[in-house]
Protein backbone atom coordinates (compact mmCIF):
# COMPACT_ATOMS: atom_id res chain seq x y z
CA MET A 1 96.03 85.94 86.54
CA LEU A 2 99.44 86.76 87.00
CA PRO A 3 100.92 89.44 89.51
CA ARG A 4 102.86 92.02 88.42
CA ARG A 5 105.14 91.32 90.82
CA GLN A 6 105.06 87.46 90.27
CA ILE A 7 105.85 88.47 86.36
CA THR A 8 108.87 90.68 87.41
CA ALA A 9 110.25 88.08 89.62
CA ARG A 10 110.44 85.73 86.40
CA VAL A 11 111.89 88.31 84.44
CA ARG A 12 114.53 89.83 86.54
CA ALA A 13 116.31 88.81 89.61
CA ASP A 14 115.97 92.37 91.05
CA THR A 15 112.22 92.67 91.90
CA ARG A 16 112.66 95.72 94.06
CA SER A 17 112.89 98.09 91.55
CA PRO A 18 109.42 99.41 91.08
CA ARG A 19 110.57 102.06 88.34
CA SER A 20 111.48 99.02 85.81
CA ARG A 21 109.29 99.17 82.89
CA ALA A 22 110.24 95.74 81.57
CA VAL A 23 106.88 94.54 82.19
CA ASP A 24 105.02 97.06 80.64
CA THR A 25 107.31 97.08 77.65
CA ARG A 26 107.07 93.30 77.18
CA VAL A 27 103.21 93.33 77.57
CA SER A 28 102.71 96.43 75.50
CA THR A 29 104.89 93.99 72.81
CA LEU A 30 102.75 91.04 73.38
CA ARG A 31 99.47 93.37 72.75
CA ALA A 32 100.56 94.50 69.46
CA LYS A 33 101.11 91.16 68.26
CA LEU A 34 98.09 89.60 69.61
CA GLY A 35 95.75 92.13 69.56
CA PRO A 36 94.50 94.06 73.00
CA ASP A 37 91.83 91.72 73.80
CA TRP A 38 94.44 89.11 74.34
CA ILE A 39 95.80 90.42 77.77
CA VAL A 40 93.90 92.40 80.11
CA THR A 41 94.98 94.29 82.73
CA VAL A 42 93.39 93.85 86.32
CA ARG A 43 94.12 97.53 87.91
CA GLY A 44 95.92 96.96 91.35
CA ILE A 45 96.64 93.10 90.55
CA GLY A 46 98.60 92.83 87.35
CA CYS A 47 97.33 91.05 84.22
CA ARG A 48 95.28 88.13 82.35
CA PHE A 49 95.08 86.38 79.30
CA GLY A 50 91.63 87.54 77.99
CA HIS A 51 89.85 85.75 75.19
CA PRO A 52 88.40 87.85 72.06
CA GLY A 53 84.80 88.19 71.64
């Protein structure tokens, strides 16, 4: 599982901007390519890779 803050830190140097939608955009793109079951959002924490089925 990857906390949102950690994902943002790896994507951008400025982690203080809570309005940045860069992580959300990338996750959405990955879901479109991989399917919705591969990336699971854990509310209040971040994302984790799921396993379809």
